[in-house]
Amino acid sequence: MSITTEQSGEGSFSASELRNISDAVKRHRGDELLDTESVTEQYPFPKATLYGWRYHRTGPPSVRLGRRVYYRRRDIEKWIDEQAAKQARR
């Protein structure tokens, strides 16, 4: 997606404002990448549990970028919904 701005006048945005808008759109779509620390702060999963799930490949999918591990918010939400559906079928 490409966003262009006017050089001057009403309706122009700074680079910082455009980044903030882009980040907000990504969060809205669920594309936001969360590191392990952010996941443990926003969801009831201890860090050790996330590590175990990654090792056994049983938790929400993760993405490795360089040396860091990230989780897409939409993948976490989808995984939680799938777990709830499994519980409901029992």
N, C-alpha and C. Protein backbone atom coordinates (compact mmCIF):
# COMPACT_ATOMS: atom_id res chain seq x y z
N MET A 1 0.84 -1.16 0.00
CA MET A 1 0.00 0.00 0.00
C MET A 1 0.89 1.23 0.00
N SER A 2 0.60 2.16 -0.83
CA SER A 2 1.38 3.37 -0.94
C SER A 2 0.52 4.56 -0.54
N ILE A 3 1.08 5.41 0.31
CA ILE A 3 0.36 6.60 0.75
C ILE A 3 1.16 7.82 0.30
N THR A 4 0.50 8.73 -0.38
CA THR A 4 1.18 9.95 -0.79
C THR A 4 0.56 11.11 -0.04
N THR A 5 1.35 12.14 0.15
CA THR A 5 0.85 13.32 0.86
C THR A 5 1.13 14.56 0.04
N GLU A 6 0.40 15.58 0.34
CA GLU A 6 0.66 16.87 -0.28
C GLU A 6 1.87 17.49 0.41
N GLN A 7 2.61 18.29 -0.29
CA GLN A 7 3.78 18.94 0.28
C GLN A 7 3.40 20.02 1.29
N SER A 8 2.31 20.68 1.08
CA SER A 8 1.91 21.73 2.01
C SER A 8 0.40 21.86 2.00
N GLY A 9 -0.09 22.59 2.96
CA GLY A 9 -1.52 22.84 2.98
C GLY A 9 -2.25 21.87 3.87
N GLU A 10 -3.54 22.04 3.90
CA GLU A 10 -4.39 21.22 4.72
C GLU A 10 -4.39 19.78 4.22
N GLY A 11 -4.38 18.83 5.14
CA GLY A 11 -4.42 17.43 4.76
C GLY A 11 -3.07 16.79 4.58
N SER A 12 -1.99 17.51 4.84
CA SER A 12 -0.68 16.89 4.71
C SER A 12 -0.28 16.28 6.04
N PHE A 13 0.52 15.22 5.98
CA PHE A 13 0.93 14.49 7.18
C PHE A 13 2.44 14.40 7.22
N SER A 14 2.97 14.42 8.42
CA SER A 14 4.41 14.21 8.59
C SER A 14 4.70 12.72 8.47
N ALA A 15 5.96 12.38 8.30
CA ALA A 15 6.35 10.97 8.21
C ALA A 15 5.96 10.23 9.48
N SER A 16 6.12 10.86 10.62
CA SER A 16 5.76 10.25 11.90
C SER A 16 4.26 9.96 11.97
N GLU A 17 3.46 10.92 11.52
CA GLU A 17 2.01 10.72 11.52
C GLU A 17 1.61 9.59 10.59
N LEU A 18 2.26 9.50 9.44
CA LEU A 18 1.95 8.41 8.50
C LEU A 18 2.31 7.06 9.11
N ARG A 19 3.44 6.98 9.82
CA ARG A 19 3.81 5.73 10.49
C ARG A 19 2.76 5.35 11.52
N ASN A 20 2.30 6.32 12.30
CA ASN A 20 1.28 6.06 13.31
C ASN A 20 -0.02 5.57 12.67
N ILE A 21 -0.40 6.18 11.56
CA ILE A 21 -1.60 5.75 10.84
C ILE A 21 -1.41 4.33 10.32
N SER A 22 -0.26 4.07 9.71
CA SER A 22 0.02 2.73 9.19
C SER A 22 -0.01 1.70 10.30
N ASP A 23 0.59 2.01 11.45
CA ASP A 23 0.58 1.09 12.59
C ASP A 23 -0.83 0.83 13.08
N ALA A 24 -1.66 1.88 13.13
CA ALA A 24 -3.04 1.72 13.57
C ALA A 24 -3.83 0.83 12.61
N VAL A 25 -3.62 1.00 11.32
CA VAL A 25 -4.30 0.17 10.32
C VAL A 25 -3.87 -1.28 10.48
N LYS A 26 -2.57 -1.52 10.66
CA LYS A 26 -2.08 -2.89 10.84
C LYS A 26 -2.67 -3.52 12.09
N ARG A 27 -2.72 -2.76 13.19
CA ARG A 27 -3.31 -3.30 14.42
C ARG A 27 -4.77 -3.64 14.20
N HIS A 28 -5.47 -2.77 13.48
CA HIS A 28 -6.88 -3.02 13.20
C HIS A 28 -7.07 -4.30 12.40
N ARG A 29 -6.18 -4.55 11.47
CA ARG A 29 -6.26 -5.75 10.63
C ARG A 29 -5.71 -6.97 11.34
N GLY A 30 -5.05 -6.80 12.48
CA GLY A 30 -4.48 -7.93 13.20
C GLY A 30 -3.08 -8.28 12.76
N ASP A 31 -2.45 -7.43 11.95
CA ASP A 31 -1.11 -7.70 11.45
C ASP A 31 -0.02 -7.31 12.45
N GLU A 32 -0.42 -6.77 13.57
CA GLU A 32 0.56 -6.30 14.54
C GLU A 32 1.42 -7.47 15.03
N LEU A 33 2.73 -7.26 15.02
CA LEU A 33 3.65 -8.27 15.53
C LEU A 33 3.96 -7.98 16.99
N LEU A 34 3.82 -9.00 17.82
CA LEU A 34 4.10 -8.87 19.24
C LEU A 34 5.29 -9.74 19.59
N ASP A 35 6.23 -9.20 20.35
CA ASP A 35 7.32 -10.05 20.83
C ASP A 35 6.81 -10.85 22.03
N THR A 36 7.62 -11.77 22.51
CA THR A 36 7.19 -12.66 23.60
C THR A 36 6.77 -11.86 24.82
N GLU A 37 7.55 -10.84 25.15
CA GLU A 37 7.24 -10.00 26.32
C GLU A 37 5.87 -9.35 26.18
N SER A 38 5.56 -8.82 25.00
CA SER A 38 4.27 -8.17 24.76
C SER A 38 3.12 -9.17 24.87
N VAL A 39 3.35 -10.38 24.38
CA VAL A 39 2.31 -11.41 24.47
C VAL A 39 2.01 -11.72 25.94
N THR A 40 3.07 -11.87 26.75
CA THR A 40 2.86 -12.20 28.17
C THR A 40 2.19 -11.05 28.92
N GLU A 41 2.38 -9.82 28.45
CA GLU A 41 1.73 -8.67 29.08
C GLU A 41 0.26 -8.55 28.70
N GLN A 42 -0.08 -8.97 27.48
CA GLN A 42 -1.43 -8.75 26.97
C GLN A 42 -2.34 -9.98 27.04
N TYR A 43 -1.75 -11.15 27.23
CA TYR A 43 -2.51 -12.39 27.29
C TYR A 43 -2.07 -13.18 28.52
N PRO A 44 -2.91 -14.10 29.01
CA PRO A 44 -2.57 -14.82 30.24
C PRO A 44 -1.63 -16.01 30.01
N PHE A 45 -0.57 -15.82 29.24
CA PHE A 45 0.37 -16.89 28.95
C PHE A 45 1.73 -16.55 29.55
N PRO A 46 2.22 -17.34 30.49
CA PRO A 46 3.57 -17.12 31.01
C PRO A 46 4.61 -17.36 29.91
N LYS A 47 5.74 -16.71 30.06
CA LYS A 47 6.82 -16.82 29.07
C LYS A 47 7.24 -18.29 28.89
N ALA A 48 7.36 -19.03 29.98
CA ALA A 48 7.78 -20.44 29.90
C ALA A 48 6.77 -21.27 29.11
N THR A 49 5.50 -20.94 29.25
CA THR A 49 4.46 -21.66 28.49
C THR A 49 4.62 -21.39 27.00
N LEU A 50 4.86 -20.13 26.63
CA LEU A 50 5.08 -19.81 25.22
C LEU A 50 6.28 -20.57 24.67
N TYR A 51 7.36 -20.62 25.45
CA TYR A 51 8.55 -21.35 25.01
C TYR A 51 8.24 -22.84 24.81
N GLY A 52 7.49 -23.41 25.74
CA GLY A 52 7.11 -24.82 25.63
C GLY A 52 6.24 -25.09 24.42
N TRP A 53 5.28 -24.22 24.20
CA TRP A 53 4.41 -24.38 23.03
C TRP A 53 5.21 -24.29 21.74
N ARG A 54 6.16 -23.36 21.69
CA ARG A 54 7.00 -23.24 20.48
C ARG A 54 7.80 -24.51 20.27
N TYR A 55 8.38 -25.03 21.34
CA TYR A 55 9.21 -26.23 21.24
C TYR A 55 8.39 -27.43 20.75
N HIS A 56 7.18 -27.57 21.30
CA HIS A 56 6.31 -28.71 20.94
C HIS A 56 5.40 -28.40 19.76
N ARG A 57 5.46 -27.18 19.26
CA ARG A 57 4.63 -26.73 18.13
C ARG A 57 3.13 -26.95 18.38
N THR A 58 2.71 -26.56 19.56
CA THR A 58 1.31 -26.74 19.93
C THR A 58 0.57 -25.42 20.16
N GLY A 59 1.29 -24.32 20.31
CA GLY A 59 0.67 -23.02 20.60
C GLY A 59 0.41 -22.23 19.34
N PRO A 60 0.17 -20.95 19.52
CA PRO A 60 -0.07 -20.09 18.36
C PRO A 60 1.19 -20.02 17.49
N PRO A 61 1.03 -19.92 16.18
CA PRO A 61 2.20 -19.84 15.30
C PRO A 61 3.03 -18.60 15.60
N SER A 62 4.32 -18.74 15.41
CA SER A 62 5.23 -17.62 15.63
C SER A 62 6.07 -17.40 14.39
N VAL A 63 6.72 -16.24 14.35
CA VAL A 63 7.56 -15.87 13.23
C VAL A 63 8.92 -15.47 13.79
N ARG A 64 9.97 -16.01 13.22
CA ARG A 64 11.32 -15.63 13.65
C ARG A 64 11.87 -14.62 12.65
N LEU A 65 12.25 -13.46 13.16
CA LEU A 65 12.88 -12.42 12.35
C LEU A 65 14.25 -12.15 12.97
N GLY A 66 15.28 -12.64 12.32
CA GLY A 66 16.61 -12.53 12.90
C GLY A 66 16.69 -13.40 14.14
N ARG A 67 17.06 -12.82 15.24
CA ARG A 67 17.17 -13.56 16.49
C ARG A 67 15.91 -13.46 17.34
N ARG A 68 14.95 -12.69 16.90
CA ARG A 68 13.75 -12.46 17.70
C ARG A 68 12.57 -13.30 17.21
N VAL A 69 11.70 -13.60 18.15
CA VAL A 69 10.48 -14.35 17.86
C VAL A 69 9.30 -13.41 18.05
N TYR A 70 8.40 -13.42 17.09
CA TYR A 70 7.20 -12.59 17.14
C TYR A 70 5.97 -13.43 16.91
N TYR A 71 4.85 -12.92 17.39
CA TYR A 71 3.54 -13.53 17.17
C TYR A 71 2.65 -12.49 16.54
N ARG A 72 1.89 -12.89 15.54
CA ARG A 72 0.90 -11.98 14.96
C ARG A 72 -0.33 -12.00 15.85
N ARG A 73 -0.84 -10.82 16.13
CA ARG A 73 -2.02 -10.75 17.01
C ARG A 73 -3.16 -11.61 16.46
N ARG A 74 -3.38 -11.56 15.15
CA ARG A 74 -4.49 -12.33 14.58
C ARG A 74 -4.27 -13.83 14.77
N ASP A 75 -3.02 -14.31 14.73
CA ASP A 75 -2.73 -15.72 14.95
C ASP A 75 -3.02 -16.13 16.39
N ILE A 76 -2.69 -15.25 17.33
CA ILE A 76 -2.98 -15.54 18.74
C ILE A 76 -4.48 -15.62 18.95
N GLU A 77 -5.20 -14.63 18.42
CA GLU A 77 -6.65 -14.60 18.58
C GLU A 77 -7.30 -15.82 17.94
N LYS A 78 -6.84 -16.20 16.76
CA LYS A 78 -7.37 -17.37 16.07
C LYS A 78 -7.10 -18.63 16.88
N TRP A 79 -5.89 -18.75 17.41
CA TRP A 79 -5.52 -19.92 18.20
C TRP A 79 -6.39 -20.03 19.46
N ILE A 80 -6.62 -18.90 20.12
CA ILE A 80 -7.48 -18.88 21.31
C ILE A 80 -8.88 -19.33 20.93
N ASP A 81 -9.42 -18.84 19.83
CA ASP A 81 -10.76 -19.24 19.38
C ASP A 81 -10.82 -20.73 19.08
N GLU A 82 -9.76 -21.26 18.46
CA GLU A 82 -9.72 -22.70 18.17
C GLU A 82 -9.69 -23.52 19.45
N GLN A 83 -8.96 -23.07 20.45
CA GLN A 83 -8.92 -23.78 21.73
C GLN A 83 -10.27 -23.76 22.42
N ALA A 84 -10.94 -22.63 22.35
CA ALA A 84 -12.28 -22.52 22.95
C ALA A 84 -13.26 -23.44 22.23
N ALA A 85 -13.16 -23.54 20.90
CA ALA A 85 -14.05 -24.40 20.15
C ALA A 85 -13.80 -25.87 20.50
N LYS A 86 -12.53 -26.25 20.68
CA LYS A 86 -12.23 -27.63 21.10
C LYS A 86 -12.81 -27.94 22.45
N GLN A 87 -12.74 -26.99 23.38
CA GLN A 87 -13.29 -27.19 24.71
C GLN A 87 -14.82 -27.34 24.65
N ALA A 88 -15.44 -26.58 23.77
CA ALA A 88 -16.90 -26.62 23.65
C ALA A 88 -17.39 -27.95 23.09
N ARG A 89 -16.56 -28.61 22.28
CA ARG A 89 -16.96 -29.89 21.69
C ARG A 89 -16.83 -31.05 22.66
N ARG A 90 -16.11 -30.85 23.74
CA ARG A 90 -15.91 -31.96 24.71
C ARG A 90 -17.10 -32.19 25.57
